[in-house]
Amino acid sequence: MTEQEWWAATRDRRLLLQFCLTCRRFQHYPRVVCTGCGGAELEIRDAAGTGVIDSFTTVVRAETPYTIARVRLAEGPILLTQLVDLPDPRCDLPVRLAWRAQPDGRHLPVFRSADDGL
């Protein structure tokens, strides 16, 4: 999977991960070989869109403060992303995928609380 293919999938609000057919592990970002076993038999799969906050920081120097987090996806890989609509983040909080539209039609994956009822 190329970077262009990954971004193209975001137009359909799909978060893609690579899956190694040899060691059965997911990885993100896409690479030519598996980071776990070095295998080259990789396929693309849709992520479940759920995970937990692994670590976070709130940037307060901006006009509007925002929170950046490491989210450990249910499949295992860690995604560096932004948290939205989450005033009191904490480690191990379950989160779910949301999307922020971009002017060119792509979407950025962001995460919000899994318990927000939406």
PDB file of N, CA and C in Angstrom:
ATOM      1  N   MET A   1       0.854  -1.172   0.000  1.00  0.00           N
ATOM      2  CA  MET A   1       0.000   0.000   0.000  1.00  0.00           C
ATOM      3  C   MET A   1       0.898   1.233   0.000  1.00  0.00           C
ATOM      4  N   THR A   2       0.557   2.145  -0.846  1.00  0.00           N
ATOM      5  CA  THR A   2       1.308   3.393  -0.919  1.00  0.00           C
ATOM      6  C   THR A   2       0.650   4.454  -0.037  1.00  0.00           C
ATOM      7  N   GLU A   3       1.379   5.517   0.186  1.00  0.00           N
ATOM      8  CA  GLU A   3       0.837   6.641   0.946  1.00  0.00           C
ATOM      9  C   GLU A   3      -0.406   7.198   0.254  1.00  0.00           C
ATOM     10  N   GLN A   4      -0.370   7.254  -1.073  1.00  0.00           N
ATOM     11  CA  GLN A   4      -1.513   7.771  -1.832  1.00  0.00           C
ATOM     12  C   GLN A   4      -2.746   6.892  -1.634  1.00  0.00           C
ATOM     13  N   GLU A   5      -2.550   5.568  -1.593  1.00  0.00           N
ATOM     14  CA  GLU A   5      -3.678   4.653  -1.378  1.00  0.00           C
ATOM     15  C   GLU A   5      -4.256   4.827   0.028  1.00  0.00           C
ATOM     16  N   TRP A   6      -3.368   5.015   1.005  1.00  0.00           N
ATOM     17  CA  TRP A   6      -3.832   5.207   2.374  1.00  0.00           C
ATOM     18  C   TRP A   6      -4.690   6.466   2.470  1.00  0.00           C
ATOM     19  N   TRP A   7      -4.177   7.562   1.906  1.00  0.00           N
ATOM     20  CA  TRP A   7      -4.944   8.812   1.954  1.00  0.00           C
ATOM     21  C   TRP A   7      -6.225   8.723   1.136  1.00  0.00           C
ATOM     22  N   ALA A   8      -6.204   8.019   0.021  1.00  0.00           N
ATOM     23  CA  ALA A   8      -7.417   7.852  -0.793  1.00  0.00           C
ATOM     24  C   ALA A   8      -8.507   7.149   0.018  1.00  0.00           C
ATOM     25  N   ALA A   9      -8.126   6.180   0.840  1.00  0.00           N
ATOM     26  CA  ALA A   9      -9.105   5.469   1.663  1.00  0.00           C
ATOM     27  C   ALA A   9      -9.759   6.399   2.679  1.00  0.00           C
ATOM     28  N   THR A  10      -9.044   7.437   3.121  1.00  0.00           N
ATOM     29  CA  THR A  10      -9.636   8.361   4.090  1.00  0.00           C
ATOM     30  C   THR A  10     -10.780   9.161   3.467  1.00  0.00           C
ATOM     31  N   ARG A  11     -10.792   9.269   2.156  1.00  0.00           N
ATOM     32  CA  ARG A  11     -11.920   9.954   1.502  1.00  0.00           C
ATOM     33  C   ARG A  11     -13.225   9.209   1.770  1.00  0.00           C
ATOM     34  N   ASP A  12     -13.123   7.887   1.969  1.00  0.00           N
ATOM     35  CA  ASP A  12     -14.279   7.049   2.285  1.00  0.00           C
ATOM     36  C   ASP A  12     -14.367   6.770   3.786  1.00  0.00           C
ATOM     37  N   ARG A  13     -13.578   7.507   4.550  1.00  0.00           N
ATOM     38  CA  ARG A  13     -13.524   7.342   6.010  1.00  0.00           C
ATOM     39  C   ARG A  13     -13.175   5.909   6.403  1.00  0.00           C
ATOM     40  N   ARG A  14     -12.123   5.410   5.769  1.00  0.00           N
ATOM     41  CA  ARG A  14     -11.605   4.077   6.071  1.00  0.00           C
ATOM     42  C   ARG A  14     -10.184   4.209   6.589  1.00  0.00           C
ATOM     43  N   LEU A  15      -9.919   3.636   7.764  1.00  0.00           N
ATOM     44  CA  LEU A  15      -8.586   3.608   8.338  1.00  0.00           C
ATOM     45  C   LEU A  15      -7.988   2.243   8.021  1.00  0.00           C
ATOM     46  N   LEU A  16      -6.919   2.251   7.233  1.00  0.00           N
ATOM     47  CA  LEU A  16      -6.307   1.012   6.770  1.00  0.00           C
ATOM     48  C   LEU A  16      -5.044   0.682   7.560  1.00  0.00           C
ATOM     49  N   LEU A  17      -4.847  -0.612   7.789  1.00  0.00           N
ATOM     50  CA  LEU A  17      -3.648  -1.126   8.433  1.00  0.00           C
ATOM     51  C   LEU A  17      -3.084  -2.244   7.576  1.00  0.00           C
ATOM     52  N   GLN A  18      -1.790  -2.487   7.685  1.00  0.00           N
ATOM     53  CA  GLN A  18      -1.182  -3.642   7.033  1.00  0.00           C
ATOM     54  C   GLN A  18      -1.262  -4.824   7.989  1.00  0.00           C
ATOM     55  N   PHE A  19      -1.479  -6.017   7.426  1.00  0.00           N
ATOM     56  CA  PHE A  19      -1.533  -7.244   8.203  1.00  0.00           C
ATOM     57  C   PHE A  19      -0.556  -8.238   7.603  1.00  0.00           C
ATOM     58  N   CYS A  20       0.303  -8.807   8.445  1.00  0.00           N
ATOM     59  CA  CYS A  20       1.289  -9.777   7.982  1.00  0.00           C
ATOM     60  C   CYS A  20       0.677 -11.173   8.002  1.00  0.00           C
ATOM     61  N   LEU A  21       0.661 -11.818   6.855  1.00  0.00           N
ATOM     62  CA  LEU A  21       0.102 -13.163   6.758  1.00  0.00           C
ATOM     63  C   LEU A  21       1.013 -14.214   7.391  1.00  0.00           C
ATOM     64  N   THR A  22       2.281 -13.866   7.600  1.00  0.00           N
ATOM     65  CA  THR A  22       3.223 -14.822   8.188  1.00  0.00           C
ATOM     66  C   THR A  22       3.106 -14.859   9.706  1.00  0.00           C
ATOM     67  N   CYS A  23       3.227 -13.706  10.379  1.00  0.00           N
ATOM     68  CA  CYS A  23       3.207 -13.689  11.854  1.00  0.00           C
ATOM     69  C   CYS A  23       1.873 -13.217  12.425  1.00  0.00           C
ATOM     70  N   ARG A  24       0.925 -12.846  11.546  1.00  0.00           N
ATOM     71  CA  ARG A  24      -0.438 -12.471  11.949  1.00  0.00           C
ATOM     72  C   ARG A  24      -0.487 -11.196  12.801  1.00  0.00           C
ATOM     73  N   ARG A  25       0.428 -10.248  12.506  1.00  0.00           N
ATOM     74  CA  ARG A  25       0.454  -8.978  13.229  1.00  0.00           C
ATOM     75  C   ARG A  25       0.058  -7.842  12.305  1.00  0.00           C
ATOM     76  N   PHE A  26      -0.572  -6.820  12.904  1.00  0.00           N
ATOM     77  CA  PHE A  26      -0.884  -5.587  12.194  1.00  0.00           C
ATOM     78  C   PHE A  26       0.266  -4.612  12.378  1.00  0.00           C
ATOM     79  N   GLN A  27       0.418  -3.701  11.398  1.00  0.00           N
ATOM     80  CA  GLN A  27       1.389  -2.620  11.556  1.00  0.00           C
ATOM     81  C   GLN A  27       0.867  -1.362  10.882  1.00  0.00           C
ATOM     82  N   HIS A  28       1.341  -0.248  11.399  1.00  0.00           N
ATOM     83  CA  HIS A  28       1.024   1.054  10.823  1.00  0.00           C
ATOM     84  C   HIS A  28       2.219   1.940  11.138  1.00  0.00           C
ATOM     85  N   TYR A  29       2.712   2.599  10.263  1.00  0.00           N
ATOM     86  CA  TYR A  29       2.393   2.984   8.923  1.00  0.00           C
ATOM     87  C   TYR A  29       2.805   1.881   7.941  1.00  0.00           C
ATOM     88  N   PRO A  30       2.306   1.931   6.714  1.00  0.00           N
ATOM     89  CA  PRO A  30       2.628   0.888   5.730  1.00  0.00           C
ATOM     90  C   PRO A  30       4.125   0.839   5.408  1.00  0.00           C
ATOM     91  N   ARG A  31       4.626  -0.379   5.306  1.00  0.00           N
ATOM     92  CA  ARG A  31       6.036  -0.611   4.978  1.00  0.00           C
ATOM     93  C   ARG A  31       6.125  -1.723   3.944  1.00  0.00           C
ATOM     94  N   VAL A  32       7.319  -1.937   3.426  1.00  0.00           N
ATOM     95  CA  VAL A  32       7.547  -2.970   2.418  1.00  0.00           C
ATOM     96  C   VAL A  32       7.611  -4.351   3.059  1.00  0.00           C
ATOM     97  N   VAL A  33       8.116  -4.428   4.289  1.00  0.00           N
ATOM     98  CA  VAL A  33       8.209  -5.696   5.010  1.00  0.00           C
ATOM     99  C   VAL A  33       7.603  -5.546   6.400  1.00  0.00           C
ATOM    100  N   CYS A  34       7.271  -6.674   7.014  1.00  0.00           N
ATOM    101  CA  CYS A  34       6.719  -6.707   8.370  1.00  0.00           C
ATOM    102  C   CYS A  34       7.803  -6.333   9.372  1.00  0.00           C
ATOM    103  N   THR A  35       7.466  -5.471  10.318  1.00  0.00           N
ATOM    104  CA  THR A  35       8.422  -5.081  11.352  1.00  0.00           C
ATOM    105  C   THR A  35       8.577  -6.161  12.411  1.00  0.00           C
ATOM    106  N   GLY A  36       7.672  -7.119  12.438  1.00  0.00           N
ATOM    107  CA  GLY A  36       7.743  -8.187  13.422  1.00  0.00           C
ATOM    108  C   GLY A  36       8.613  -9.350  12.994  1.00  0.00           C
ATOM    109  N   CYS A  37       8.415  -9.809  11.747  1.00  0.00           N
ATOM    110  CA  CYS A  37       9.127 -11.011  11.302  1.00  0.00           C
ATOM    111  C   CYS A  37       9.948 -10.804  10.032  1.00  0.00           C
ATOM    112  N   GLY A  38       9.816  -9.649   9.403  1.00  0.00           N
ATOM    113  CA  GLY A  38      10.547  -9.391   8.161  1.00  0.00           C
ATOM    114  C   GLY A  38       9.879  -9.963   6.934  1.00  0.00           C
ATOM    115  N   GLY A  39       8.695 -10.555   7.114  1.00  0.00           N
ATOM    116  CA  GLY A  39       7.968 -11.142   5.997  1.00  0.00           C
ATOM    117  C   GLY A  39       7.470 -10.103   5.024  1.00  0.00           C
ATOM    118  N   ALA A  40       7.266 -10.543   3.785  1.00  0.00           N
ATOM    119  CA  ALA A  40       6.802  -9.626   2.737  1.00  0.00           C
ATOM    120  C   ALA A  40       5.377  -9.930   2.294  1.00  0.00           C
ATOM    121  N   GLU A  41       4.733 -10.912   2.928  1.00  0.00           N
ATOM    122  CA  GLU A  41       3.350 -11.233   2.581  1.00  0.00           C
ATOM    123  C   GLU A  41       2.425 -10.374   3.433  1.00  0.00           C
ATOM    124  N   LEU A  42       2.124  -9.197   2.923  1.00  0.00           N
ATOM    125  CA  LEU A  42       1.309  -8.227   3.642  1.00  0.00           C
ATOM    126  C   LEU A  42       0.034  -7.952   2.870  1.00  0.00           C
ATOM    127  N   GLU A  43      -1.053  -7.784   3.597  1.00  0.00           N
ATOM    128  CA  GLU A  43      -2.300  -7.375   2.965  1.00  0.00           C
ATOM    129  C   GLU A  43      -2.871  -6.196   3.733  1.00  0.00           C
ATOM    130  N   ILE A  44      -3.835  -5.543   3.136  1.00  0.00           N
ATOM    131  CA  ILE A  44      -4.452  -4.358   3.718  1.00  0.00           C
ATOM    132  C   ILE A  44      -5.784  -4.762   4.329  1.00  0.00           C
ATOM    133  N   ARG A  45      -6.011  -4.299   5.549  1.00  0.00           N
ATOM    134  CA  ARG A  45      -7.278  -4.567   6.234  1.00  0.00           C
ATOM    135  C   ARG A  45      -7.789  -3.277   6.865  1.00  0.00           C
ATOM    136  N   ASP A  46      -9.106  -3.197   6.992  1.00  0.00           N
ATOM    137  CA  ASP A  46      -9.720  -2.064   7.672  1.00  0.00           C
ATOM    138  C   ASP A  46      -9.531  -2.206   9.179  1.00  0.00           C
ATOM    139  N   ALA A  47      -9.228  -1.102   9.836  1.00  0.00           N
ATOM    140  CA  ALA A  47      -9.118  -1.087  11.295  1.00  0.00           C
ATOM    141  C   ALA A  47     -10.520  -1.060  11.896  1.00  0.00           C
ATOM    142  N   ALA A  48     -10.647  -1.607  13.097  1.00  0.00           N
ATOM    143  CA  ALA A  48     -11.933  -1.608  13.799  1.00  0.00           C
ATOM    144  C   ALA A  48     -12.348  -0.193  14.200  1.00  0.00           C
ATOM    145  N   GLY A  49     -11.362   0.679  14.391  1.00  0.00           N
ATOM    146  CA  GLY A  49     -11.682   2.059  14.762  1.00  0.00           C
ATOM    147  C   GLY A  49     -11.829   2.268  16.257  1.00  0.00           C
ATOM    148  N   THR A  50     -11.317   1.330  17.039  1.00  0.00           N
ATOM    149  CA  THR A  50     -11.365   1.463  18.487  1.00  0.00           C
ATOM    150  C   THR A  50      -9.964   1.302  19.064  1.00  0.00           C
ATOM    151  N   GLY A  51      -9.780   1.820  20.268  1.00  0.00           N
ATOM    152  CA  GLY A  51      -8.495   1.693  20.925  1.00  0.00           C
ATOM    153  C   GLY A  51      -8.541   2.329  22.297  1.00  0.00           C
ATOM    154  N   VAL A  52      -7.368   2.531  22.890  1.00  0.00           N
ATOM    155  CA  VAL A  52      -7.259   3.185  24.193  1.00  0.00           C
ATOM    156  C   VAL A  52      -6.144   4.213  24.121  1.00  0.00           C
ATOM    157  N   ILE A  53      -6.283   5.250  24.921  1.00  0.00           N
ATOM    158  CA  ILE A  53      -5.239   6.277  24.989  1.00  0.00           C
ATOM    159  C   ILE A  53      -4.046   5.683  25.713  1.00  0.00           C
ATOM    160  N   ASP A  54      -2.902   5.776  25.067  1.00  0.00           N
ATOM    161  CA  ASP A  54      -1.642   5.250  25.605  1.00  0.00           C
ATOM    162  C   ASP A  54      -0.885   6.367  26.329  1.00  0.00           C
ATOM    163  N   SER A  55      -0.923   7.570  25.764  1.00  0.00           N
ATOM    164  CA  SER A  55      -0.249   8.747  26.305  1.00  0.00           C
ATOM    165  C   SER A  55      -0.846   9.969  25.614  1.00  0.00           C
ATOM    166  N   PHE A  56      -0.757  11.128  26.240  1.00  0.00           N
ATOM    167  CA  PHE A  56      -1.314  12.332  25.611  1.00  0.00           C
ATOM    168  C   PHE A  56      -0.644  13.582  26.174  1.00  0.00           C
ATOM    169  N   THR A  57      -0.802  14.673  25.438  1.00  0.00           N
ATOM    170  CA  THR A  57      -0.383  15.983  25.908  1.00  0.00           C
ATOM    171  C   THR A  57      -1.327  17.018  25.324  1.00  0.00           C
ATOM    172  N   THR A  58      -1.589  18.061  26.088  1.00  0.00           N
ATOM    173  CA  THR A  58      -2.434  19.154  25.613  1.00  0.00           C
ATOM    174  C   THR A  58      -1.550  20.343  25.289  1.00  0.00           C
ATOM    175  N   VAL A  59      -1.687  20.847  24.080  1.00  0.00           N
ATOM    176  CA  VAL A  59      -0.924  22.003  23.614  1.00  0.00           C
ATOM    177  C   VAL A  59      -1.727  23.250  23.952  1.00  0.00           C
ATOM    178  N   VAL A  60      -1.169  24.102  24.808  1.00  0.00           N
ATOM    179  CA  VAL A  60      -1.898  25.297  25.239  1.00  0.00           C
ATOM    180  C   VAL A  60      -1.343  26.579  24.642  1.00  0.00           C
ATOM    181  N   ARG A  61      -0.305  26.468  23.838  1.00  0.00           N
ATOM    182  CA  ARG A  61       0.262  27.662  23.209  1.00  0.00           C
ATOM    183  C   ARG A  61      -0.550  28.127  22.007  1.00  0.00           C
ATOM    184  N   ALA A  62      -1.379  27.271  21.511  1.00  0.00           N
ATOM    185  CA  ALA A  62      -2.217  27.627  20.363  1.00  0.00           C
ATOM    186  C   ALA A  62      -3.361  28.525  20.843  1.00  0.00           C
ATOM    187  N   GLU A  63      -3.973  29.228  19.891  1.00  0.00           N
ATOM    188  CA  GLU A  63      -5.122  30.071  20.237  1.00  0.00           C
ATOM    189  C   GLU A  63      -6.212  29.230  20.885  1.00  0.00           C
ATOM    190  N   THR A  64      -6.453  28.049  20.330  1.00  0.00           N
ATOM    191  CA  THR A  64      -7.382  27.088  20.899  1.00  0.00           C
ATOM    192  C   THR A  64      -6.581  25.859  21.304  1.00  0.00           C
ATOM    193  N   PRO A  65      -6.507  25.551  22.586  1.00  0.00           N
ATOM    194  CA  PRO A  65      -5.745  24.375  23.007  1.00  0.00           C
ATOM    195  C   PRO A  65      -6.272  23.096  22.341  1.00  0.00           C
ATOM    196  N   TYR A  66      -5.380  22.148  22.094  1.00  0.00           N
ATOM    197  CA  TYR A  66      -5.768  20.862  21.519  1.00  0.00           C
ATOM    198  C   TYR A  66      -4.924  19.767  22.138  1.00  0.00           C
ATOM    199  N   THR A  67      -5.425  18.539  22.051  1.00  0.00           N
ATOM    200  CA  THR A  67      -4.754  17.408  22.684  1.00  0.00           C
ATOM    201  C   THR A  67      -4.304  16.407  21.632  1.00  0.00           C
ATOM    202  N   ILE A  68      -3.028  16.065  21.700  1.00  0.00           N
ATOM    203  CA  ILE A  68      -2.424  15.051  20.837  1.00  0.00           C
ATOM    204  C   ILE A  68      -2.248  13.792  21.684  1.00  0.00           C
ATOM    205  N   ALA A  69      -2.515  12.630  21.083  1.00  0.00           N
ATOM    206  CA  ALA A  69      -2.412  11.392  21.854  1.00  0.00           C
ATOM    207  C   ALA A  69      -1.821  10.268  21.022  1.00  0.00           C
ATOM    208  N   ARG A  70      -1.226   9.334  21.744  1.00  0.00           N
ATOM    209  CA  ARG A  70      -0.871   8.040  21.175  1.00  0.00           C
ATOM    210  C   ARG A  70      -2.046   7.136  21.505  1.00  0.00           C
ATOM    211  N   VAL A  71      -2.691   6.617  20.465  1.00  0.00           N
ATOM    212  CA  VAL A  71      -3.808   5.699  20.661  1.00  0.00           C
ATOM    213  C   VAL A  71      -3.358   4.310  20.226  1.00  0.00           C
ATOM    214  N   ARG A  72      -3.453   3.362  21.157  1.00  0.00           N
ATOM    215  CA  ARG A  72      -3.156   1.972  20.811  1.00  0.00           C
ATOM    216  C   ARG A  72      -4.440   1.371  20.253  1.00  0.00           C
ATOM    217  N   LEU A  73      -4.404   1.078  18.956  1.00  0.00           N
ATOM    218  CA  LEU A  73      -5.572   0.525  18.285  1.00  0.00           C
ATOM    219  C   LEU A  73      -5.858  -0.889  18.784  1.00  0.00           C
ATOM    220  N   ALA A  74      -7.105  -1.329  18.666  1.00  0.00           N
ATOM    221  CA  ALA A  74      -7.498  -2.673  19.084  1.00  0.00           C
ATOM    222  C   ALA A  74      -6.639  -3.736  18.403  1.00  0.00           C
ATOM    223  N   GLU A  75      -6.161  -3.442  17.194  1.00  0.00           N
ATOM    224  CA  GLU A  75      -5.332  -4.388  16.446  1.00  0.00           C
ATOM    225  C   GLU A  75      -3.880  -4.412  16.919  1.00  0.00           C
ATOM    226  N   GLY A  76      -3.475  -3.431  17.730  1.00  0.00           N
ATOM    227  CA  GLY A  76      -2.117  -3.407  18.267  1.00  0.00           C
ATOM    228  C   GLY A  76      -1.263  -2.206  17.927  1.00  0.00           C
ATOM    229  N   PRO A  77      -1.263  -1.727  16.680  1.00  0.00           N
ATOM    230  CA  PRO A  77      -0.405  -0.577  16.351  1.00  0.00           C
ATOM    231  C   PRO A  77      -0.803   0.684  17.112  1.00  0.00           C
ATOM    232  N   ILE A  78       0.151   1.584  17.228  1.00  0.00           N
ATOM    233  CA  ILE A  78      -0.080   2.881  17.870  1.00  0.00           C
ATOM    234  C   ILE A  78      -0.203   3.944  16.786  1.00  0.00           C
ATOM    235  N   LEU A  79      -1.195   4.808  16.938  1.00  0.00           N
ATOM    236  CA  LEU A  79      -1.431   5.893  15.988  1.00  0.00           C
ATOM    237  C   LEU A  79      -1.297   7.212  16.733  1.00  0.00           C
ATOM    238  N   LEU A  80      -0.465   8.109  16.244  1.00  0.00           N
ATOM    239  CA  LEU A  80      -0.362   9.453  16.794  1.00  0.00           C
ATOM    240  C   LEU A  80      -1.481  10.265  16.170  1.00  0.00           C
ATOM    241  N   THR A  81      -2.332  10.860  16.990  1.00  0.00           N
ATOM    242  CA  THR A  81      -3.554  11.468  16.501  1.00  0.00           C
ATOM    243  C   THR A  81      -3.996  12.596  17.428  1.00  0.00           C
ATOM    244  N   GLN A  82      -5.091  13.216  17.092  1.00  0.00           N
ATOM    245  CA  GLN A  82      -5.656  14.264  17.925  1.00  0.00           C
ATOM    246  C   GLN A  82      -6.913  13.739  18.597  1.00  0.00           C
ATOM    247  N   LEU A  83      -7.134  14.143  19.842  1.00  0.00           N
ATOM    248  CA  LEU A  83      -8.371  13.820  20.549  1.00  0.00           C
ATOM    249  C   LEU A  83      -9.323  14.991  20.379  1.00  0.00           C
ATOM    250  N   VAL A  84     -10.596  14.692  20.165  1.00  0.00           N
ATOM    251  CA  VAL A  84     -11.600  15.745  19.983  1.00  0.00           C
ATOM    252  C   VAL A  84     -12.765  15.506  20.942  1.00  0.00           C
ATOM    253  N   ASP A  85     -13.385  16.596  21.359  1.00  0.00           N
ATOM    254  CA  ASP A  85     -14.555  16.534  22.245  1.00  0.00           C
ATOM    255  C   ASP A  85     -14.293  15.677  23.477  1.00  0.00           C
ATOM    256  N   LEU A  86     -13.105  15.819  24.026  1.00  0.00           N
ATOM    257  CA  LEU A  86     -12.702  15.016  25.177  1.00  0.00           C
ATOM    258  C   LEU A  86     -11.995  15.931  26.177  1.00  0.00           C
ATOM    259  N   PRO A  87     -12.760  16.604  27.045  1.00  0.00           N
ATOM    260  CA  PRO A  87     -12.176  17.612  27.929  1.00  0.00           C
ATOM    261  C   PRO A  87     -11.237  17.052  29.000  1.00  0.00           C
ATOM    262  N   ASP A  88     -11.445  15.806  29.420  1.00  0.00           N
ATOM    263  CA  ASP A  88     -10.621  15.222  30.487  1.00  0.00           C
ATOM    264  C   ASP A  88     -10.026  13.888  30.051  1.00  0.00           C
ATOM    265  N   PRO A  89      -9.054  13.911  29.133  1.00  0.00           N
ATOM    266  CA  PRO A  89      -8.474  12.645  28.689  1.00  0.00           C
ATOM    267  C   PRO A  89      -7.675  11.989  29.815  1.00  0.00           C
ATOM    268  N   ARG A  90      -7.553  10.672  29.736  1.00  0.00           N
ATOM    269  CA  ARG A  90      -6.707   9.937  30.683  1.00  0.00           C
ATOM    270  C   ARG A  90      -6.195   8.676  29.992  1.00  0.00           C
ATOM    271  N   CYS A  91      -5.082   8.194  30.447  1.00  0.00           N
ATOM    272  CA  CYS A  91      -4.513   6.969  29.886  1.00  0.00           C
ATOM    273  C   CYS A  91      -5.466   5.804  30.134  1.00  0.00           C
ATOM    274  N   ASP A  92      -5.496   4.897  29.193  1.00  0.00           N
ATOM    275  CA  ASP A  92      -6.353   3.703  29.215  1.00  0.00           C
ATOM    276  C   ASP A  92      -7.824   4.003  28.964  1.00  0.00           C
ATOM    277  N   LEU A  93      -8.171   5.241  28.638  1.00  0.00           N
ATOM    278  CA  LEU A  93      -9.556   5.565  28.303  1.00  0.00           C
ATOM    279  C   LEU A  93      -9.891   4.983  26.935  1.00  0.00           C
ATOM    280  N   PRO A  94     -10.983   4.224  26.823  1.00  0.00           N
ATOM    281  CA  PRO A  94     -11.391   3.709  25.507  1.00  0.00           C
ATOM    282  C   PRO A  94     -11.821   4.855  24.588  1.00  0.00           C
ATOM    283  N   VAL A  95     -11.358   4.801  23.350  1.00  0.00           N
ATOM    284  CA  VAL A  95     -11.706   5.816  22.355  1.00  0.00           C
ATOM    285  C   VAL A  95     -12.147   5.139  21.066  1.00  0.00           C
ATOM    286  N   ARG A  96     -12.812   5.939  20.232  1.00  0.00           N
ATOM    287  CA  ARG A  96     -13.247   5.426  18.936  1.00  0.00           C
ATOM    288  C   ARG A  96     -12.910   6.441  17.852  1.00  0.00           C
ATOM    289  N   LEU A  97     -12.792   5.930  16.663  1.00  0.00           N
ATOM    290  CA  LEU A  97     -12.409   6.724  15.508  1.00  0.00           C
ATOM    291  C   LEU A  97     -13.487   7.723  15.122  1.00  0.00           C
ATOM    292  N   ALA A  98     -13.055   8.921  14.776  1.00  0.00           N
ATOM    293  CA  ALA A  98     -13.905   9.957  14.194  1.00  0.00           C
ATOM    294  C   ALA A  98     -13.093  10.545  13.045  1.00  0.00           C
ATOM    295  N   TRP A  99     -13.692  11.408  12.281  1.00  0.00           N
ATOM    296  CA  TRP A  99     -12.982  11.955  11.108  1.00  0.00           C
ATOM    297  C   TRP A  99     -13.122  13.458  11.070  1.00  0.00           C
ATOM    298  N   ARG A 100     -12.049  14.135  10.669  1.00  0.00           N
ATOM    299  CA  ARG A 100     -12.067  15.581  10.461  1.00  0.00           C
ATOM    300  C   ARG A 100     -11.863  15.828   8.971  1.00  0.00           C
ATOM    301  N   ALA A 101     -12.870  16.408   8.337  1.00  0.00           N
ATOM    302  CA  ALA A 101     -12.831  16.663   6.894  1.00  0.00           C
ATOM    303  C   ALA A 101     -11.765  17.703   6.558  1.00  0.00           C
ATOM    304  N   GLN A 102     -11.102  17.490   5.429  1.00  0.00           N
ATOM    305  CA  GLN A 102     -10.103  18.412   4.914  1.00  0.00           C
ATOM    306  C   GLN A 102     -10.643  19.040   3.627  1.00  0.00           C
ATOM    307  N   PRO A 103     -10.156  20.217   3.236  1.00  0.00           N
ATOM    308  CA  PRO A 103     -10.682  20.907   2.055  1.00  0.00           C
ATOM    309  C   PRO A 103     -10.567  20.107   0.758  1.00  0.00           C
ATOM    310  N   ASP A 104      -9.587  19.196   0.672  1.00  0.00           N
ATOM    311  CA  ASP A 104      -9.383  18.442  -0.567  1.00  0.00           C
ATOM    312  C   ASP A 104     -10.173  17.131  -0.631  1.00  0.00           C
ATOM    313  N   GLY A 105     -11.046  16.891   0.348  1.00  0.00           N
ATOM    314  CA  GLY A 105     -11.870  15.685   0.328  1.00  0.00           C
ATOM    315  C   GLY A 105     -11.332  14.545   1.166  1.00  0.00           C
ATOM    316  N   ARG A 106     -10.064  14.648   1.577  1.00  0.00           N
ATOM    317  CA  ARG A 106      -9.520  13.627   2.476  1.00  0.00           C
ATOM    318  C   ARG A 106     -10.042  13.896   3.891  1.00  0.00           C
ATOM    319  N   HIS A 107      -9.834  12.944   4.771  1.00  0.00           N
ATOM    320  CA  HIS A 107     -10.229  13.096   6.168  1.00  0.00           C
ATOM    321  C   HIS A 107      -9.062  12.696   7.059  1.00  0.00           C
ATOM    322  N   LEU A 108      -8.902  13.406   8.160  1.00  0.00           N
ATOM    323  CA  LEU A 108      -7.886  13.051   9.146  1.00  0.00           C
ATOM    324  C   LEU A 108      -8.523  12.167  10.210  1.00  0.00           C
ATOM    325  N   PRO A 109      -7.876  11.052  10.556  1.00  0.00           N
ATOM    326  CA  PRO A 109      -8.409  10.240  11.649  1.00  0.00           C
ATOM    327  C   PRO A 109      -8.129  10.919  12.983  1.00  0.00           C
ATOM    328  N   VAL A 110      -9.168  11.142  13.758  1.00  0.00           N
ATOM    329  CA  VAL A 110      -9.073  11.688  15.108  1.00  0.00           C
ATOM    330  C   VAL A 110      -9.864  10.743  16.017  1.00  0.00           C
ATOM    331  N   PHE A 111      -9.723  10.898  17.296  1.00  0.00           N
ATOM    332  CA  PHE A 111     -10.422  10.000  18.213  1.00  0.00           C
ATOM    333  C   PHE A 111     -11.180  10.761  19.263  1.00  0.00           C
ATOM    334  N   ARG A 112     -12.312  10.183  19.689  1.00  0.00           N
ATOM    335  CA  ARG A 112     -13.150  10.743  20.747  1.00  0.00           C
ATOM    336  C   ARG A 112     -13.473   9.619  21.720  1.00  0.00           C
ATOM    337  N   SER A 113     -14.057   9.967  22.847  1.00  0.00           N
ATOM    338  CA  SER A 113     -14.387   8.967  23.842  1.00  0.00           C
ATOM    339  C   SER A 113     -15.316   7.905  23.254  1.00  0.00           C
ATOM    340  N   ALA A 114     -15.070   6.664  23.607  1.00  0.00           N
ATOM    341  CA  ALA A 114     -15.943   5.580  23.154  1.00  0.00           C
ATOM    342  C   ALA A 114     -17.287   5.626  23.887  1.00  0.00           C
ATOM    343  N   ASP A 115     -17.348   6.368  24.979  1.00  0.00           N
ATOM    344  CA  ASP A 115     -18.553   6.430  25.805  1.00  0.00           C
ATOM    345  C   ASP A 115     -19.399   7.675  25.553  1.00  0.00           C
ATOM    346  N   ASP A 116     -19.150   8.401  24.464  1.00  0.00           N
ATOM    347  CA  ASP A 116     -19.862   9.667  24.272  1.00  0.00           C
ATOM    348  C   ASP A 116     -21.249   9.491  23.688  1.00  0.00           C
ATOM    349  N   GLY A 117     -21.667   8.263  23.425  1.00  0.00           N
ATOM    350  CA  GLY A 117     -23.028   8.005  23.004  1.00  0.00           C
ATOM    351  C   GLY A 117     -23.356   8.341  21.571  1.00  0.00           C
ATOM    352  N   LEU A 118     -22.359   8.698  20.771  1.00  0.00           N
ATOM    353  CA  LEU A 118     -22.632   9.032  19.372  1.00  0.00           C
ATOM    354  C   LEU A 118     -22.464   7.828  18.490  1.00  0.00           C
TER     355      LEU A 118
END
